[in-house]
Each structure stands twice: as structure tokens, then as C-alpha cells.
Amino acid sequence: MNTLAANAAAIALYVTASLFLIGQLFRQMQGATPWLLAMAACAVAFHALGVYGQIFTPQGFQFGFYIALSFIFVTVNTLVLVSSLKKPLHNLFVLLFPLSSAAMLCALLIPPTAPTLTNLGADIALHILLSVLAYSLLTIAALQALVLAYQNRQLHHKRLTGVIRMLPPLQTMEQLLFELLWAGVALLTLSIVSGILFLDDIFAQHLVHKTAFSIIAWFIYATLLWGRHKLGWRGNTAVRWALVGFAALMVAFFGTKLVLELILGVSPVA
């Protein structure tokens, strides 16, 4: 399928699904309906086709800033969609689908500034895949932390109406957050190790900031998981640590990629 057509179809489905879900929330309907899941699945499928065509071009491998952003969103959406079949995560689509549409529009309308890579080895491709999967899982964890903070605040003030009634119990939401964090940190560990093994110089000038902030993020997340296991950290403490770790991780990926690619015109390895 034509890349432009696939992206356009995905955007249309994302917008439609977002409006459908907002209507559900206003009517206080619980659970993901088959229609919502069907639209989400079609949107993600078209998004995947579209971003695949943007990354793997006839000229070579293209992983510019906005294309990378679109790729991360399709990965996040896929993970949330699969998880929502067993756990009530579908309300996250209210945030994810509009942001996904915006990322896709930017990837379509703004020409990539990063050079096209013509010789990408399997080892570097593996490193990129692990990085994107780690960022995606930890992005979902950050969204989950925000929802958990909102739920905790509303329960503390005894406001048990609206969206709060549609959410699972607080203990279930907190358990889900740490499941996401454990999986995300495991992938982040593999990403850092693969970078050390496969990249020629992971502390080269154009990679040092990404490497440093990735390691800082890893230590923040590791401290949170240790605090949870040894000290029983939970609630707002867990939320704060999770969001600080996510901020460091986003600086590692998007901050350095933004500065190097869009301002300095250098293409870092993902």
C-alpha cells in the first residue's frame, strides 16, 4: 500500500476512535467495546504500514526525528492494544491517538533532516529495536503513573465520580505500573548493553549525551524498583520516581536527537 495512503487511513481511524472513546467516557460506559478495539487495531495496522514505508525507503534506512517519533507511537499503541485485551488500558488511547496523529502528520509534512543510511548491520538494527521497545514500554509506564497520580488524588479527596469509577482498583493500577517498569528496565538494560557491544564508540561526541542520560535513567528506575522491593515504595513516591526516570530517558532520546539532527544536522544512532 502507498505510504501516504496508509498514514492518511491511520490518522482518520485514530481521530474516529478518539471521538468514539470520548463519547464512551462522557456516557460513563465501562470496558473496551468491540467497535473501539476494531478501529484501534485497523488504525495501528495502517500506522505500521505507513511508518514501515517511511523507514525502509528504496534509498536506504531513514530514521529521522519525526519518523522515529511516529515509530515509537505505533509501538506504544500496539502494546497498549494487546494489553487492553486483558487489562483496562484502553482509556490511554484518549491521549495516545491524538498524539500519534500529530506525530504522523509531522513525519509526512516535514522533510527528514537525517541522512539516509545505506548500510545498516543486523547488530545496529537490533540495538535500535531494543531501544525503541524500551522507550515505548517506559512511555506507557509514565502514562500509567500519571493516571495513578490522578486516581490517588481523586480518591484522597473522595471524588469518586466520572472517570475514577471506570478505573480499576488503585492496587491493581499500581501493580500494573511496576509490571511495566520491570519489563521496560529489562529492555533498557539490553539496549545499553547492545550499544556498548555493537557501537564503535558509544561515548563518541554525538552519542555521549544520549548514553549518559540513558544510564542516568537506568539508575533512577533501578533505584525505584529497589525501593519498591526493599522499602515498599508506592503511591506518590513511586509516581515521582517513575516520571523523573522518564524525563531523563526522553532527554536521552528526543532531547539529543532534536539538538543533533534538527539544529546541528548530525544523525545520531537511535
Protein backbone atom coordinates (compact mmCIF):
# COMPACT_ATOMS: atom_id res chain seq x y z
CA MET A 1 0.00 0.00 0.00
CA ASN A 2 1.13 3.56 -0.71
CA THR A 3 2.85 5.07 2.33
CA LEU A 4 0.83 8.29 2.16
CA ALA A 5 -2.47 6.41 1.87
CA ALA A 6 -1.61 4.15 4.82
CA ASN A 7 -0.72 7.09 7.03
CA ALA A 8 -3.84 9.01 5.97
CA ALA A 9 -6.05 5.99 6.75
CA ALA A 10 -4.39 5.58 10.15
CA ILE A 11 -4.91 9.26 11.04
CA ALA A 12 -8.59 9.09 10.03
CA LEU A 13 -9.12 5.97 12.14
CA TYR A 14 -7.23 7.44 15.11
CA VAL A 15 -9.44 10.55 15.05
CA THR A 16 -12.61 8.48 14.72
CA ALA A 17 -11.59 6.14 17.53
CA SER A 18 -10.68 9.09 19.76
CA LEU A 19 -14.11 10.68 19.27
CA PHE A 20 -15.77 7.32 19.88
CA LEU A 21 -13.83 6.81 23.11
CA ILE A 22 -14.54 10.35 24.34
CA GLY A 23 -18.23 9.65 23.78
CA GLN A 24 -17.89 6.48 25.85
CA LEU A 25 -16.23 8.39 28.67
CA PHE A 26 -18.96 11.03 28.74
CA ARG A 27 -21.61 8.30 28.86
CA GLN A 28 -19.57 6.58 31.62
CA MET A 29 -19.51 3.31 29.71
CA GLN A 30 -17.09 0.76 31.13
CA GLY A 31 -14.90 -1.63 29.18
CA ALA A 32 -13.47 -1.59 25.68
CA THR A 33 -16.22 -2.24 23.13
CA PRO A 34 -15.55 -4.44 20.08
CA TRP A 35 -16.01 -1.40 17.84
CA LEU A 36 -13.32 0.55 19.66
CA LEU A 37 -10.87 -2.35 19.60
CA ALA A 38 -11.59 -2.98 15.91
CA MET A 39 -10.95 0.66 14.99
CA ALA A 40 -7.81 0.74 17.13
CA ALA A 41 -6.49 -2.46 15.53
CA CYS A 42 -7.11 -1.15 11.99
CA ALA A 43 -5.54 2.21 12.85
CA VAL A 44 -2.43 0.57 14.31
CA ALA A 45 -2.14 -1.76 11.29
CA PHE A 46 -2.29 1.15 8.82
CA HIS A 47 0.10 3.15 11.01
CA ALA A 48 2.58 0.27 10.99
CA LEU A 49 2.39 0.03 7.18
CA GLY A 50 2.86 3.76 6.85
CA VAL A 51 5.83 4.07 9.17
CA TYR A 52 7.43 0.97 7.63
CA GLY A 53 7.36 2.67 4.24
CA GLN A 54 8.91 5.80 5.72
CA ILE A 55 11.73 3.94 7.47
CA PHE A 56 12.63 1.41 4.77
CA THR A 57 12.92 3.51 1.62
CA PRO A 58 14.34 2.44 -1.77
CA GLN A 59 17.34 4.64 -1.00
CA GLY A 60 18.04 3.04 2.38
CA PHE A 61 17.15 3.26 6.07
CA GLN A 62 15.59 6.58 7.22
CA PHE A 63 15.12 7.23 10.94
CA GLY A 64 14.65 10.97 11.24
CA PHE A 65 13.30 12.69 14.34
CA TYR A 66 9.60 12.71 13.40
CA ILE A 67 9.72 9.28 11.79
CA ALA A 68 11.28 7.91 14.99
CA LEU A 69 8.53 9.62 16.99
CA SER A 70 5.87 8.03 14.78
CA PHE A 71 7.56 4.63 15.14
CA ILE A 72 7.55 4.89 18.93
CA PHE A 73 3.86 5.80 18.94
CA VAL A 74 2.89 2.82 16.78
CA THR A 75 4.89 0.57 19.11
CA VAL A 76 3.23 2.07 22.20
CA ASN A 77 -0.22 1.79 20.61
CA THR A 78 0.40 -1.85 19.71
CA LEU A 79 1.49 -2.70 23.25
CA VAL A 80 -1.47 -0.89 24.81
CA LEU A 81 -3.88 -2.52 22.34
CA VAL A 82 -2.62 -6.03 23.14
CA SER A 83 -2.59 -5.34 26.87
CA SER A 84 -6.10 -3.86 26.79
CA LEU A 85 -7.46 -7.26 25.79
CA LYS A 86 -6.75 -8.42 29.35
CA LYS A 87 -6.44 -5.21 31.36
CA PRO A 88 -8.45 -1.97 31.23
CA LEU A 89 -5.84 0.18 29.50
CA HIS A 90 -7.92 1.34 26.54
CA ASN A 91 -8.64 4.75 28.12
CA LEU A 92 -4.98 5.63 27.46
CA PHE A 93 -5.97 5.88 23.79
CA VAL A 94 -7.60 9.24 24.58
CA LEU A 95 -4.06 10.63 24.89
CA LEU A 96 -2.20 8.31 22.55
CA PHE A 97 -4.34 8.58 19.41
CA PRO A 98 -4.28 12.39 19.03
CA LEU A 99 -0.54 12.45 19.77
CA SER A 100 0.01 9.63 17.26
CA SER A 101 -1.89 11.57 14.61
CA ALA A 102 0.20 14.69 15.26
CA ALA A 103 3.44 12.70 15.03
CA MET A 104 2.34 11.11 11.75
CA LEU A 105 1.40 14.48 10.26
CA CYS A 106 4.81 15.88 11.19
CA ALA A 107 6.56 12.85 9.68
CA LEU A 108 4.56 13.32 6.46
CA LEU A 109 4.79 17.08 6.10
CA ILE A 110 8.27 17.90 7.42
CA PRO A 111 11.16 16.60 5.26
CA PRO A 112 13.63 14.45 7.25
CA THR A 113 16.92 16.14 8.04
CA ALA A 114 18.82 12.97 8.94
CA PRO A 115 20.82 11.33 6.15
CA THR A 116 19.60 8.03 4.75
CA LEU A 117 21.64 5.05 5.99
CA THR A 118 22.52 2.64 3.20
CA ASN A 119 24.49 0.02 5.15
CA LEU A 120 22.75 -0.87 8.41
CA GLY A 121 24.02 -4.05 10.04
CA ALA A 122 21.84 -6.52 11.91
CA ASP A 123 23.61 -5.67 15.19
CA ILE A 124 22.79 -1.95 14.93
CA ALA A 125 19.23 -2.78 13.86
CA LEU A 126 18.88 -4.94 17.00
CA HIS A 127 20.16 -2.11 19.17
CA ILE A 128 17.64 0.30 17.62
CA LEU A 129 14.80 -2.19 18.08
CA LEU A 130 15.66 -2.78 21.75
CA SER A 131 15.92 0.97 22.34
CA VAL A 132 12.55 1.71 20.78
CA LEU A 133 10.84 -1.12 22.66
CA ALA A 134 12.36 0.08 25.95
CA TYR A 135 11.29 3.68 25.32
CA SER A 136 7.81 2.50 24.33
CA LEU A 137 7.23 0.39 27.45
CA LEU A 138 8.56 3.11 29.72
CA THR A 139 6.36 5.66 27.93
CA ILE A 140 3.33 3.52 28.77
CA ALA A 141 4.63 3.30 32.36
CA ALA A 142 4.85 7.11 32.52
CA LEU A 143 1.27 7.44 31.26
CA GLN A 144 0.20 4.83 33.81
CA ALA A 145 1.99 6.81 36.54
CA LEU A 146 0.08 9.97 35.57
CA VAL A 147 -3.24 8.11 35.65
CA LEU A 148 -2.28 6.58 39.01
CA ALA A 149 -1.42 10.03 40.42
CA TYR A 150 -4.76 11.42 39.26
CA GLN A 151 -6.65 8.43 40.67
CA ASN A 152 -4.80 8.71 44.00
CA ARG A 153 -5.54 12.42 44.24
CA GLN A 154 -9.24 11.98 43.47
CA LEU A 155 -9.61 9.15 45.98
CA HIS A 156 -7.77 11.18 48.61
CA HIS A 157 -10.32 13.98 48.14
CA LYS A 158 -13.16 11.41 47.99
CA ARG A 159 -14.20 12.37 44.46
CA LEU A 160 -15.48 9.00 43.30
CA THR A 161 -17.25 10.15 40.15
CA GLY A 162 -16.69 10.26 36.39
CA VAL A 163 -13.55 8.62 35.08
CA ILE A 164 -12.50 7.38 38.53
CA ARG A 165 -15.37 4.90 38.56
CA MET A 166 -14.16 3.46 35.26
CA LEU A 167 -10.64 2.76 36.51
CA PRO A 168 -9.56 -0.49 38.18
CA PRO A 169 -8.79 -0.50 41.93
CA LEU A 170 -5.77 1.54 43.00
CA GLN A 171 -3.81 -1.56 43.99
CA THR A 172 -4.33 -3.09 40.52
CA MET A 173 -3.21 0.12 38.80
CA GLU A 174 -0.09 0.26 40.97
CA GLN A 175 0.72 -3.39 40.27
CA LEU A 176 0.40 -2.74 36.53
CA LEU A 177 2.77 0.24 36.80
CA PHE A 178 5.53 -1.87 38.32
CA GLU A 179 4.99 -4.69 35.82
CA LEU A 180 5.56 -2.16 33.04
CA LEU A 181 8.61 -0.74 34.81
CA TRP A 182 10.24 -4.15 35.30
CA ALA A 183 9.76 -5.04 31.63
CA GLY A 184 10.89 -1.60 30.44
CA VAL A 185 14.03 -1.60 32.57
CA ALA A 186 14.93 -5.09 31.37
CA LEU A 187 14.73 -3.89 27.75
CA LEU A 188 16.60 -0.68 28.60
CA THR A 189 19.37 -2.80 30.12
CA LEU A 190 19.61 -4.85 26.92
CA SER A 191 19.61 -1.66 24.87
CA ILE A 192 22.52 -0.17 26.81
CA VAL A 193 24.47 -3.44 26.72
CA SER A 194 23.88 -3.85 22.96
CA GLY A 195 25.05 -0.27 22.42
CA ILE A 196 28.26 -0.99 24.31
CA LEU A 197 28.83 -4.20 22.34
CA PHE A 198 27.80 -3.12 18.85
CA LEU A 199 28.57 0.58 18.52
CA ASP A 200 32.13 1.50 17.66
CA ASP A 201 32.32 4.21 20.32
CA ILE A 202 29.23 4.63 22.49
CA PHE A 203 30.86 7.66 24.16
CA ALA A 204 31.62 9.42 20.88
CA GLN A 205 30.88 13.14 20.83
CA HIS A 206 27.49 12.78 19.08
CA LEU A 207 26.41 9.87 21.34
CA VAL A 208 27.77 10.82 24.75
CA HIS A 209 24.70 12.78 25.88
CA LYS A 210 22.33 10.00 24.81
CA THR A 211 24.47 7.41 26.56
CA ALA A 212 24.85 9.47 29.75
CA PHE A 213 21.14 10.24 30.11
CA SER A 214 20.18 6.64 29.29
CA ILE A 215 22.43 5.41 32.09
CA ILE A 216 21.08 8.08 34.46
CA ALA A 217 17.53 6.96 33.61
CA TRP A 218 18.51 3.34 34.22
CA PHE A 219 19.85 4.19 37.70
CA ILE A 220 16.69 6.16 38.53
CA TYR A 221 14.45 3.27 37.50
CA ALA A 222 16.70 0.73 39.26
CA THR A 223 16.52 2.80 42.47
CA LEU A 224 12.72 2.89 42.21
CA LEU A 225 12.49 -0.88 41.74
CA TRP A 226 14.90 -1.43 44.63
CA GLY A 227 12.85 0.93 46.82
CA ARG A 228 9.69 -0.92 45.90
CA HIS A 229 11.24 -4.31 46.74
CA LYS A 230 13.11 -3.33 49.92
CA LEU A 231 11.23 -0.33 51.31
CA GLY A 232 7.75 -0.84 49.91
CA TRP A 233 7.67 2.43 47.95
CA ARG A 234 4.27 3.13 46.45
CA GLY A 235 1.79 5.89 45.70
CA ASN A 236 3.14 9.36 45.00
CA THR A 237 6.72 8.30 45.77
CA ALA A 238 6.62 5.69 43.02
CA VAL A 239 4.93 8.12 40.62
CA ARG A 240 7.57 10.81 41.17
CA TRP A 241 10.49 8.42 40.62
CA ALA A 242 8.83 6.96 37.52
CA LEU A 243 8.27 10.40 35.98
CA VAL A 244 11.79 11.61 36.78
CA GLY A 245 13.23 8.49 35.15
CA PHE A 246 11.03 9.02 32.11
CA ALA A 247 12.13 12.65 31.82
CA ALA A 248 15.79 11.57 31.79
CA LEU A 249 15.02 8.91 29.20
CA MET A 250 13.22 11.36 26.92
CA VAL A 251 16.14 13.78 27.16
CA ALA A 252 18.40 10.87 26.20
CA PHE A 253 16.43 10.04 23.08
CA PHE A 254 14.43 13.03 21.92
CA GLY A 255 16.47 15.80 23.51
CA THR A 256 19.78 14.80 21.98
CA LYS A 257 18.12 13.71 18.72
CA LEU A 258 16.35 17.07 18.46
CA VAL A 259 19.52 19.09 19.04
CA LEU A 260 21.83 16.94 16.93
CA GLU A 261 19.51 16.34 14.00
CA LEU A 262 17.31 19.41 13.70
CA ILE A 263 19.77 22.03 14.95
CA LEU A 264 23.27 20.68 14.21
CA GLY A 265 22.38 18.45 11.29
CA VAL A 266 24.08 15.35 12.75
CA SER A 267 22.36 11.97 12.67
CA PRO A 268 22.81 10.00 15.92
CA VAL A 269 22.24 6.28 16.07
CA ALA A 270 18.84 5.62 17.70
